[in-house]
Amino acid sequence: MHAAIHQFRGPLGTEEPGPDALGTCTLTQLGGLAGAVVTFWPDAAAATEAASRRPAGTTWLDSGVYRVTDAHSASAAAAYAQLTWFDGPRGAEQSAAELRAGRERIWPAVRDIEGVGTTYTLLGEDRSLVVVALSASMATIETVQDAIMATELLPGEDPALLPGPDRVDVHRVLHAALPAPAGAR
């Protein structure tokens, strides 16, 4: 599964992602006019085509195509989303360390927190990484952040390879029709 992310400014039009989309999530940043539309596609070609679209009436700031490397489902409703960006290009060793940290340390530390929703880990061709984490409330996002900061590195984790995200955006979820996480790898 692949994903396309469009970042936008201004009012978002009502354009549908297309009949082949596996799912979509429309987000608007808290306290501003910026947002993002995340669409999920069966393959890289469909995601690339979706990323090239520029609907009228909206100022598109950026778009990207990513492979879904991990997807975890939790039962909470999607009211808020946090997009955590690790900008590329990144080296193979750093990328592997970040993916391992997410799978083996961070997800186990947060998966049972009340209000945690579906989470997708998206990997770009340049090894950039975006984590799309949905939650039921702002309090959940804060609890998750505290839990992540309280984790200790696993044996073999090198802190030099884990400098942290380049930016974190918090959004309201305007619409979410998400694909099932099964078979994301």
N, C-alpha and C. Protein backbone atom coordinates (compact mmCIF):
# COMPACT_ATOMS: atom_id res chain seq x y z
N MET A 1 0.86 -1.17 0.00
CA MET A 1 0.00 0.00 0.00
C MET A 1 0.90 1.24 0.00
N HIS A 2 0.46 2.26 -0.68
CA HIS A 2 1.19 3.53 -0.77
C HIS A 2 0.26 4.67 -0.36
N ALA A 3 0.87 5.82 -0.08
CA ALA A 3 0.09 6.99 0.31
C ALA A 3 0.62 8.22 -0.40
N ALA A 4 -0.27 9.15 -0.67
CA ALA A 4 0.10 10.48 -1.18
C ALA A 4 -0.35 11.48 -0.13
N ILE A 5 0.51 12.45 0.17
CA ILE A 5 0.15 13.51 1.11
C ILE A 5 0.20 14.82 0.36
N HIS A 6 -0.91 15.56 0.39
CA HIS A 6 -0.96 16.92 -0.14
C HIS A 6 -1.07 17.87 1.05
N GLN A 7 -0.16 18.81 1.15
CA GLN A 7 -0.30 19.86 2.15
C GLN A 7 -0.92 21.06 1.46
N PHE A 8 -1.84 21.73 2.15
CA PHE A 8 -2.56 22.82 1.50
C PHE A 8 -2.71 24.01 2.43
N ARG A 9 -3.07 25.14 1.84
CA ARG A 9 -3.42 26.35 2.58
C ARG A 9 -4.71 26.88 1.98
N GLY A 10 -5.61 27.31 2.82
CA GLY A 10 -6.86 27.89 2.36
C GLY A 10 -7.98 26.89 2.44
N PRO A 11 -9.14 27.29 2.03
CA PRO A 11 -10.28 26.38 2.10
C PRO A 11 -10.08 25.19 1.17
N LEU A 12 -10.40 24.04 1.67
CA LEU A 12 -10.22 22.82 0.89
C LEU A 12 -11.46 22.56 0.06
N GLY A 13 -11.24 22.25 -1.20
CA GLY A 13 -12.35 21.90 -2.09
C GLY A 13 -12.92 20.55 -1.72
N THR A 14 -13.92 20.13 -2.44
CA THR A 14 -14.61 18.88 -2.13
C THR A 14 -14.23 17.76 -3.09
N GLU A 15 -13.13 17.90 -3.79
CA GLU A 15 -12.74 16.89 -4.77
C GLU A 15 -12.52 15.52 -4.12
N GLU A 16 -13.08 14.51 -4.73
CA GLU A 16 -12.93 13.13 -4.27
C GLU A 16 -11.56 12.60 -4.71
N PRO A 17 -10.96 11.67 -3.94
CA PRO A 17 -9.63 11.17 -4.30
C PRO A 17 -9.61 10.32 -5.56
N GLY A 18 -10.70 9.67 -5.90
CA GLY A 18 -10.75 8.81 -7.08
C GLY A 18 -11.26 7.44 -6.70
N PRO A 19 -11.78 6.69 -7.69
CA PRO A 19 -12.41 5.41 -7.39
C PRO A 19 -11.44 4.33 -6.94
N ASP A 20 -10.16 4.45 -7.26
CA ASP A 20 -9.19 3.42 -6.89
C ASP A 20 -8.57 3.66 -5.52
N ALA A 21 -8.89 4.78 -4.87
CA ALA A 21 -8.32 5.07 -3.56
C ALA A 21 -8.78 4.03 -2.55
N LEU A 22 -7.86 3.60 -1.71
CA LEU A 22 -8.20 2.65 -0.65
C LEU A 22 -8.76 3.36 0.57
N GLY A 23 -8.45 4.65 0.69
CA GLY A 23 -8.93 5.44 1.81
C GLY A 23 -8.38 6.84 1.75
N THR A 24 -8.95 7.71 2.58
CA THR A 24 -8.50 9.09 2.62
C THR A 24 -8.73 9.68 4.00
N CYS A 25 -7.96 10.69 4.31
CA CYS A 25 -8.08 11.40 5.58
C CYS A 25 -7.78 12.87 5.30
N THR A 26 -8.72 13.75 5.65
CA THR A 26 -8.54 15.17 5.45
C THR A 26 -8.33 15.83 6.81
N LEU A 27 -7.25 16.58 6.92
CA LEU A 27 -6.84 17.17 8.19
C LEU A 27 -6.69 18.67 8.06
N THR A 28 -7.05 19.42 9.10
CA THR A 28 -6.83 20.85 9.11
C THR A 28 -6.07 21.21 10.38
N GLN A 29 -5.00 21.96 10.21
CA GLN A 29 -4.13 22.30 11.32
C GLN A 29 -4.86 23.15 12.35
N LEU A 30 -4.61 22.90 13.61
CA LEU A 30 -5.21 23.70 14.67
C LEU A 30 -4.71 25.13 14.57
N GLY A 31 -5.62 26.08 14.66
CA GLY A 31 -5.24 27.49 14.70
C GLY A 31 -4.73 28.05 13.39
N GLY A 32 -5.09 27.49 12.27
CA GLY A 32 -4.60 28.03 11.00
C GLY A 32 -5.39 27.51 9.83
N LEU A 33 -4.98 27.94 8.64
CA LEU A 33 -5.66 27.53 7.41
C LEU A 33 -4.94 26.41 6.68
N ALA A 34 -3.82 25.94 7.23
CA ALA A 34 -3.07 24.87 6.58
C ALA A 34 -3.66 23.52 6.94
N GLY A 35 -3.36 22.54 6.14
CA GLY A 35 -3.82 21.19 6.42
C GLY A 35 -3.15 20.19 5.51
N ALA A 36 -3.68 18.99 5.52
CA ALA A 36 -3.13 17.93 4.69
C ALA A 36 -4.24 16.96 4.32
N VAL A 37 -4.11 16.39 3.14
CA VAL A 37 -4.97 15.31 2.69
C VAL A 37 -4.07 14.10 2.48
N VAL A 38 -4.35 13.02 3.17
CA VAL A 38 -3.60 11.78 3.03
C VAL A 38 -4.51 10.80 2.31
N THR A 39 -4.07 10.32 1.15
CA THR A 39 -4.84 9.31 0.42
C THR A 39 -4.02 8.04 0.31
N PHE A 40 -4.70 6.92 0.37
CA PHE A 40 -4.03 5.62 0.33
C PHE A 40 -4.38 4.93 -0.98
N TRP A 41 -3.35 4.29 -1.58
CA TRP A 41 -3.46 3.72 -2.93
C TRP A 41 -2.88 2.32 -2.95
N PRO A 42 -3.32 1.49 -3.90
CA PRO A 42 -2.82 0.12 -3.94
C PRO A 42 -1.37 0.00 -4.40
N ASP A 43 -0.86 1.00 -5.12
CA ASP A 43 0.50 0.90 -5.63
C ASP A 43 1.12 2.29 -5.80
N ALA A 44 2.42 2.30 -6.08
CA ALA A 44 3.16 3.56 -6.21
C ALA A 44 2.69 4.39 -7.40
N ALA A 45 2.34 3.74 -8.50
CA ALA A 45 1.90 4.48 -9.69
C ALA A 45 0.64 5.28 -9.41
N ALA A 46 -0.33 4.67 -8.73
CA ALA A 46 -1.58 5.38 -8.41
C ALA A 46 -1.31 6.51 -7.43
N ALA A 47 -0.44 6.29 -6.46
CA ALA A 47 -0.12 7.34 -5.49
C ALA A 47 0.62 8.49 -6.17
N THR A 48 1.51 8.18 -7.11
CA THR A 48 2.24 9.22 -7.84
C THR A 48 1.30 10.05 -8.69
N GLU A 49 0.36 9.39 -9.35
CA GLU A 49 -0.63 10.11 -10.15
C GLU A 49 -1.48 11.02 -9.26
N ALA A 50 -1.88 10.52 -8.10
CA ALA A 50 -2.69 11.32 -7.17
C ALA A 50 -1.89 12.52 -6.66
N ALA A 51 -0.61 12.34 -6.41
CA ALA A 51 0.22 13.44 -5.90
C ALA A 51 0.40 14.54 -6.94
N SER A 52 0.22 14.21 -8.22
CA SER A 52 0.39 15.22 -9.27
C SER A 52 -0.85 16.08 -9.48
N ARG A 53 -1.98 15.68 -8.92
CA ARG A 53 -3.22 16.45 -9.11
C ARG A 53 -3.17 17.77 -8.35
N ARG A 54 -3.74 18.80 -8.95
CA ARG A 54 -3.80 20.12 -8.35
C ARG A 54 -5.21 20.68 -8.52
N PRO A 55 -6.15 20.29 -7.66
CA PRO A 55 -7.52 20.78 -7.82
C PRO A 55 -7.59 22.30 -7.70
N ALA A 56 -8.51 22.90 -8.45
CA ALA A 56 -8.70 24.34 -8.42
C ALA A 56 -9.29 24.78 -7.09
N GLY A 57 -8.97 26.00 -6.68
CA GLY A 57 -9.56 26.58 -5.48
C GLY A 57 -8.78 26.37 -4.21
N THR A 58 -7.73 25.59 -4.25
CA THR A 58 -6.91 25.33 -3.06
C THR A 58 -5.46 25.58 -3.42
N THR A 59 -4.72 26.19 -2.51
CA THR A 59 -3.29 26.39 -2.71
C THR A 59 -2.55 25.18 -2.15
N TRP A 60 -2.03 24.35 -3.06
CA TRP A 60 -1.27 23.18 -2.64
C TRP A 60 0.14 23.60 -2.34
N LEU A 61 0.62 23.29 -1.16
CA LEU A 61 1.96 23.69 -0.74
C LEU A 61 3.01 22.67 -1.12
N ASP A 62 2.66 21.41 -1.02
CA ASP A 62 3.64 20.36 -1.24
C ASP A 62 2.89 19.05 -1.40
N SER A 63 3.50 18.09 -2.03
CA SER A 63 2.91 16.75 -2.09
C SER A 63 4.04 15.74 -2.09
N GLY A 64 3.75 14.55 -1.65
CA GLY A 64 4.75 13.50 -1.61
C GLY A 64 4.11 12.14 -1.71
N VAL A 65 4.92 11.16 -2.11
CA VAL A 65 4.47 9.79 -2.25
C VAL A 65 5.30 8.93 -1.30
N TYR A 66 4.62 8.03 -0.62
CA TYR A 66 5.26 7.22 0.41
C TYR A 66 4.76 5.79 0.33
N ARG A 67 5.60 4.87 0.76
CA ARG A 67 5.21 3.47 0.92
C ARG A 67 4.79 3.28 2.37
N VAL A 68 3.66 2.63 2.60
CA VAL A 68 3.21 2.36 3.96
C VAL A 68 4.03 1.18 4.47
N THR A 69 4.89 1.43 5.47
CA THR A 69 5.73 0.36 6.00
C THR A 69 5.11 -0.32 7.21
N ASP A 70 4.33 0.43 7.97
CA ASP A 70 3.66 -0.11 9.15
C ASP A 70 2.31 0.56 9.29
N ALA A 71 1.35 -0.19 9.73
CA ALA A 71 0.03 0.35 10.04
C ALA A 71 -0.51 -0.42 11.23
N HIS A 72 -0.96 0.32 12.22
CA HIS A 72 -1.49 -0.29 13.44
C HIS A 72 -2.87 0.27 13.69
N SER A 73 -3.78 -0.61 14.02
CA SER A 73 -5.15 -0.18 14.25
C SER A 73 -5.46 -0.24 15.74
N ALA A 74 -6.11 0.79 16.21
CA ALA A 74 -6.65 0.81 17.56
C ALA A 74 -8.09 1.27 17.43
N SER A 75 -8.84 1.13 18.48
CA SER A 75 -10.29 1.30 18.37
C SER A 75 -10.78 2.73 18.50
N ALA A 76 -9.96 3.67 18.86
CA ALA A 76 -10.44 5.03 19.11
C ALA A 76 -10.91 5.73 17.84
N ALA A 77 -11.89 6.58 18.01
CA ALA A 77 -12.38 7.40 16.90
C ALA A 77 -11.31 8.43 16.54
N ALA A 78 -11.29 8.83 15.27
CA ALA A 78 -10.29 9.77 14.79
C ALA A 78 -10.82 11.19 14.85
N ALA A 79 -10.49 11.92 15.91
CA ALA A 79 -10.90 13.32 16.04
C ALA A 79 -9.72 14.26 15.80
N TYR A 80 -8.52 13.79 16.13
CA TYR A 80 -7.29 14.57 15.97
C TYR A 80 -6.23 13.70 15.31
N ALA A 81 -5.25 14.35 14.70
CA ALA A 81 -4.14 13.62 14.09
C ALA A 81 -2.86 14.39 14.33
N GLN A 82 -1.80 13.65 14.51
CA GLN A 82 -0.47 14.24 14.59
C GLN A 82 0.35 13.70 13.43
N LEU A 83 0.92 14.60 12.65
CA LEU A 83 1.84 14.22 11.59
C LEU A 83 3.25 14.55 12.08
N THR A 84 4.07 13.52 12.16
CA THR A 84 5.45 13.68 12.62
C THR A 84 6.35 13.46 11.42
N TRP A 85 7.11 14.49 11.07
CA TRP A 85 7.91 14.52 9.83
C TRP A 85 9.40 14.34 10.14
N PHE A 86 10.01 13.39 9.45
CA PHE A 86 11.46 13.18 9.47
C PHE A 86 11.91 13.41 8.03
N ASP A 87 12.40 14.60 7.74
CA ASP A 87 12.70 15.00 6.38
C ASP A 87 13.88 14.22 5.79
N GLY A 88 13.83 14.00 4.49
CA GLY A 88 14.90 13.32 3.77
C GLY A 88 15.78 14.32 3.07
N PRO A 89 16.84 13.87 2.48
CA PRO A 89 17.22 12.46 2.43
C PRO A 89 17.85 12.01 3.75
N ARG A 90 17.66 10.73 4.03
CA ARG A 90 18.21 10.09 5.22
C ARG A 90 18.99 8.87 4.76
N GLY A 91 20.05 8.57 5.48
CA GLY A 91 20.85 7.40 5.16
C GLY A 91 20.13 6.12 5.54
N ALA A 92 20.57 5.01 4.94
CA ALA A 92 19.94 3.71 5.19
C ALA A 92 20.03 3.31 6.66
N GLU A 93 21.16 3.57 7.29
CA GLU A 93 21.35 3.17 8.69
C GLU A 93 20.42 3.97 9.61
N GLN A 94 20.32 5.28 9.37
CA GLN A 94 19.43 6.11 10.18
C GLN A 94 17.97 5.72 9.96
N SER A 95 17.60 5.50 8.71
CA SER A 95 16.23 5.10 8.40
C SER A 95 15.87 3.79 9.09
N ALA A 96 16.76 2.82 9.03
CA ALA A 96 16.51 1.53 9.68
C ALA A 96 16.37 1.70 11.18
N ALA A 97 17.20 2.56 11.77
CA ALA A 97 17.14 2.80 13.22
C ALA A 97 15.81 3.45 13.61
N GLU A 98 15.34 4.40 12.80
CA GLU A 98 14.07 5.06 13.10
C GLU A 98 12.89 4.11 12.96
N LEU A 99 12.91 3.28 11.92
CA LEU A 99 11.83 2.31 11.74
C LEU A 99 11.82 1.29 12.88
N ARG A 100 12.99 0.84 13.30
CA ARG A 100 13.07 -0.10 14.42
C ARG A 100 12.54 0.55 15.69
N ALA A 101 12.93 1.79 15.95
CA ALA A 101 12.45 2.48 17.16
C ALA A 101 10.93 2.55 17.17
N GLY A 102 10.35 2.86 16.02
CA GLY A 102 8.90 2.93 15.93
C GLY A 102 8.23 1.60 16.20
N ARG A 103 8.76 0.55 15.61
CA ARG A 103 8.14 -0.78 15.73
C ARG A 103 8.35 -1.42 17.10
N GLU A 104 9.59 -1.34 17.59
CA GLU A 104 9.96 -2.13 18.76
C GLU A 104 9.90 -1.37 20.08
N ARG A 105 9.99 -0.05 20.04
CA ARG A 105 9.99 0.72 21.29
C ARG A 105 8.77 1.63 21.41
N ILE A 106 8.50 2.43 20.38
CA ILE A 106 7.46 3.46 20.50
C ILE A 106 6.05 2.86 20.43
N TRP A 107 5.73 2.05 19.39
CA TRP A 107 4.38 1.50 19.29
C TRP A 107 4.02 0.67 20.53
N PRO A 108 4.90 -0.23 21.01
CA PRO A 108 4.55 -0.97 22.23
C PRO A 108 4.29 -0.06 23.44
N ALA A 109 4.93 1.08 23.49
CA ALA A 109 4.75 2.00 24.63
C ALA A 109 3.44 2.78 24.57
N VAL A 110 2.85 2.92 23.36
CA VAL A 110 1.66 3.77 23.23
C VAL A 110 0.39 3.03 22.82
N ARG A 111 0.50 1.81 22.34
CA ARG A 111 -0.66 1.13 21.75
C ARG A 111 -1.83 0.92 22.70
N ASP A 112 -1.57 0.83 23.99
CA ASP A 112 -2.66 0.57 24.94
C ASP A 112 -3.17 1.83 25.62
N ILE A 113 -2.69 2.99 25.21
CA ILE A 113 -3.17 4.24 25.79
C ILE A 113 -4.59 4.49 25.28
N GLU A 114 -5.49 4.80 26.21
CA GLU A 114 -6.87 5.06 25.83
C GLU A 114 -6.93 6.26 24.89
N GLY A 115 -7.65 6.09 23.78
CA GLY A 115 -7.81 7.17 22.81
C GLY A 115 -6.87 7.10 21.63
N VAL A 116 -5.93 6.14 21.64
CA VAL A 116 -5.02 5.98 20.49
C VAL A 116 -5.81 5.36 19.35
N GLY A 117 -5.68 5.94 18.16
CA GLY A 117 -6.35 5.43 16.97
C GLY A 117 -5.37 4.78 16.03
N THR A 118 -5.75 4.69 14.78
CA THR A 118 -4.91 4.06 13.76
C THR A 118 -3.66 4.91 13.51
N THR A 119 -2.56 4.23 13.28
CA THR A 119 -1.27 4.89 13.02
C THR A 119 -0.65 4.28 11.77
N TYR A 120 -0.15 5.14 10.88
CA TYR A 120 0.53 4.72 9.66
C TYR A 120 1.95 5.28 9.66
N THR A 121 2.91 4.44 9.32
CA THR A 121 4.29 4.88 9.12
C THR A 121 4.53 4.87 7.61
N LEU A 122 4.91 6.03 7.08
CA LEU A 122 5.07 6.22 5.64
C LEU A 122 6.52 6.53 5.32
N LEU A 123 7.10 5.82 4.37
CA LEU A 123 8.50 5.96 4.00
C LEU A 123 8.62 6.46 2.57
N GLY A 124 9.33 7.59 2.40
CA GLY A 124 9.55 8.16 1.08
C GLY A 124 10.73 7.52 0.37
N GLU A 125 10.82 7.77 -0.93
CA GLU A 125 11.91 7.20 -1.72
C GLU A 125 13.28 7.66 -1.22
N ASP A 126 13.35 8.89 -0.67
CA ASP A 126 14.60 9.42 -0.13
C ASP A 126 14.78 9.07 1.35
N ARG A 127 13.97 8.11 1.81
CA ARG A 127 13.95 7.63 3.19
C ARG A 127 13.42 8.67 4.18
N SER A 128 12.73 9.70 3.66
CA SER A 128 12.00 10.57 4.57
C SER A 128 10.91 9.72 5.21
N LEU A 129 10.44 10.16 6.35
CA LEU A 129 9.49 9.36 7.10
C LEU A 129 8.40 10.28 7.62
N VAL A 130 7.15 9.85 7.52
CA VAL A 130 6.03 10.58 8.10
C VAL A 130 5.21 9.58 8.90
N VAL A 131 4.93 9.91 10.15
CA VAL A 131 4.06 9.09 10.97
C VAL A 131 2.74 9.84 11.10
N VAL A 132 1.67 9.20 10.64
CA VAL A 132 0.31 9.75 10.72
C VAL A 132 -0.37 9.00 11.86
N ALA A 133 -0.60 9.69 12.98
CA ALA A 133 -1.17 9.06 14.17
C ALA A 133 -2.50 9.72 14.51
N LEU A 134 -3.56 8.95 14.46
CA LEU A 134 -4.89 9.47 14.77
C LEU A 134 -5.24 9.17 16.22
N SER A 135 -6.03 10.07 16.82
CA SER A 135 -6.40 9.90 18.22
C SER A 135 -7.76 10.50 18.49
N ALA A 136 -8.29 10.17 19.66
CA ALA A 136 -9.62 10.63 20.04
C ALA A 136 -9.60 12.05 20.61
N SER A 137 -8.45 12.50 21.13
CA SER A 137 -8.44 13.80 21.80
C SER A 137 -7.04 14.40 21.84
N MET A 138 -6.99 15.66 22.15
CA MET A 138 -5.69 16.33 22.35
C MET A 138 -5.00 15.75 23.58
N ALA A 139 -5.77 15.40 24.59
CA ALA A 139 -5.20 14.79 25.80
C ALA A 139 -4.48 13.49 25.45
N THR A 140 -5.03 12.73 24.52
CA THR A 140 -4.38 11.49 24.08
C THR A 140 -3.05 11.81 23.42
N ILE A 141 -3.02 12.81 22.55
CA ILE A 141 -1.77 13.19 21.89
C ILE A 141 -0.71 13.55 22.93
N GLU A 142 -1.09 14.31 23.93
CA GLU A 142 -0.14 14.69 24.99
C GLU A 142 0.32 13.48 25.79
N THR A 143 -0.59 12.57 26.10
CA THR A 143 -0.23 11.35 26.84
C THR A 143 0.73 10.50 26.02
N VAL A 144 0.48 10.39 24.72
CA VAL A 144 1.36 9.63 23.84
C VAL A 144 2.75 10.26 23.81
N GLN A 145 2.82 11.58 23.67
CA GLN A 145 4.12 12.26 23.66
C GLN A 145 4.89 12.00 24.96
N ASP A 146 4.19 12.07 26.09
CA ASP A 146 4.84 11.79 27.39
C ASP A 146 5.35 10.36 27.45
N ALA A 147 4.54 9.41 26.95
CA ALA A 147 4.95 8.00 26.97
C ALA A 147 6.18 7.77 26.09
N ILE A 148 6.21 8.41 24.93
CA ILE A 148 7.37 8.26 24.04
C ILE A 148 8.63 8.82 24.71
N MET A 149 8.51 9.99 25.31
CA MET A 149 9.68 10.61 25.95
C MET A 149 10.16 9.80 27.16
N ALA A 150 9.29 8.99 27.76
CA ALA A 150 9.66 8.20 28.93
C ALA A 150 10.30 6.87 28.56
N THR A 151 10.28 6.48 27.27
CA THR A 151 10.88 5.21 26.89
C THR A 151 12.39 5.29 26.96
N GLU A 152 12.98 4.17 27.26
CA GLU A 152 14.44 4.07 27.25
C GLU A 152 14.86 3.36 25.98
N LEU A 153 16.04 3.72 25.49
CA LEU A 153 16.54 3.09 24.27
C LEU A 153 16.68 1.58 24.47
N LEU A 154 16.41 0.86 23.41
CA LEU A 154 16.56 -0.59 23.42
C LEU A 154 18.04 -0.95 23.28
N PRO A 155 18.43 -2.16 23.69
CA PRO A 155 19.81 -2.58 23.46
C PRO A 155 20.17 -2.46 21.97
N GLY A 156 21.30 -1.85 21.69
CA GLY A 156 21.75 -1.69 20.32
C GLY A 156 21.28 -0.42 19.63
N GLU A 157 20.34 0.33 20.24
CA GLU A 157 19.91 1.59 19.63
C GLU A 157 21.00 2.65 19.85
N ASP A 158 21.33 3.36 18.79
CA ASP A 158 22.36 4.40 18.82
C ASP A 158 21.67 5.76 18.82
N PRO A 159 21.80 6.53 19.91
CA PRO A 159 21.13 7.83 19.96
C PRO A 159 21.57 8.78 18.85
N ALA A 160 22.76 8.59 18.31
CA ALA A 160 23.23 9.45 17.22
C ALA A 160 22.40 9.23 15.95
N LEU A 161 21.78 8.06 15.82
CA LEU A 161 20.95 7.76 14.64
C LEU A 161 19.49 8.15 14.86
N LEU A 162 19.18 8.68 16.05
CA LEU A 162 17.79 9.02 16.39
C LEU A 162 17.69 10.47 16.85
N PRO A 163 17.94 11.43 15.94
CA PRO A 163 17.93 12.84 16.34
C PRO A 163 16.54 13.41 16.61
N GLY A 164 15.49 12.68 16.28
CA GLY A 164 14.14 13.17 16.48
C GLY A 164 13.56 13.78 15.22
N PRO A 165 12.28 14.15 15.28
CA PRO A 165 11.60 14.65 14.09
C PRO A 165 12.06 16.06 13.71
N ASP A 166 11.83 16.40 12.44
CA ASP A 166 12.12 17.74 11.95
C ASP A 166 10.97 18.70 12.27
N ARG A 167 9.75 18.17 12.33
CA ARG A 167 8.60 18.98 12.72
C ARG A 167 7.44 18.07 13.08
N VAL A 168 6.51 18.64 13.84
CA VAL A 168 5.32 17.92 14.27
C VAL A 168 4.14 18.85 14.06
N ASP A 169 3.12 18.37 13.34
CA ASP A 169 1.90 19.14 13.09
C ASP A 169 0.74 18.44 13.76
N VAL A 170 -0.11 19.23 14.44
CA VAL A 170 -1.31 18.67 15.06
C VAL A 170 -2.52 19.21 14.30
N HIS A 171 -3.44 18.31 13.97
CA HIS A 171 -4.58 18.64 13.13
C HIS A 171 -5.89 18.15 13.73
N ARG A 172 -6.98 18.78 13.32
CA ARG A 172 -8.31 18.22 13.52
C ARG A 172 -8.58 17.32 12.32
N VAL A 173 -9.28 16.23 12.56
CA VAL A 173 -9.66 15.34 11.47
C VAL A 173 -11.02 15.81 10.95
N LEU A 174 -11.05 16.25 9.71
CA LEU A 174 -12.31 16.68 9.09
C LEU A 174 -13.07 15.49 8.52
N HIS A 175 -12.31 14.52 8.01
CA HIS A 175 -12.89 13.33 7.39
C HIS A 175 -11.87 12.21 7.44
N ALA A 176 -12.33 11.02 7.76
CA ALA A 176 -11.44 9.86 7.74
C ALA A 176 -12.22 8.63 7.29
N ALA A 177 -11.78 8.06 6.20
CA ALA A 177 -12.26 6.77 5.71
C ALA A 177 -10.99 5.98 5.43
N LEU A 178 -10.50 5.30 6.43
CA LEU A 178 -9.16 4.73 6.40
C LEU A 178 -9.16 3.27 5.95
N PRO A 179 -8.09 2.87 5.24
CA PRO A 179 -7.97 1.46 4.86
C PRO A 179 -7.59 0.61 6.07
N ALA A 180 -7.95 -0.64 6.02
CA ALA A 180 -7.58 -1.58 7.08
C ALA A 180 -6.08 -1.74 7.12
N PRO A 181 -5.47 -1.69 8.29
CA PRO A 181 -4.01 -1.80 8.39
C PRO A 181 -3.43 -3.15 7.99
N ALA A 182 -4.19 -4.21 7.93
CA ALA A 182 -3.65 -5.54 7.61
C ALA A 182 -2.91 -5.51 6.27
N GLY A 183 -1.76 -6.14 6.24
CA GLY A 183 -0.99 -6.27 5.01
C GLY A 183 -0.31 -4.99 4.58
N ALA A 184 0.02 -4.11 5.51
CA ALA A 184 0.62 -2.81 5.15
C ALA A 184 2.06 -2.93 4.69
N ARG A 185 2.74 -3.94 5.13
CA ARG A 185 4.18 -4.00 4.83
C ARG A 185 4.47 -4.21 3.41
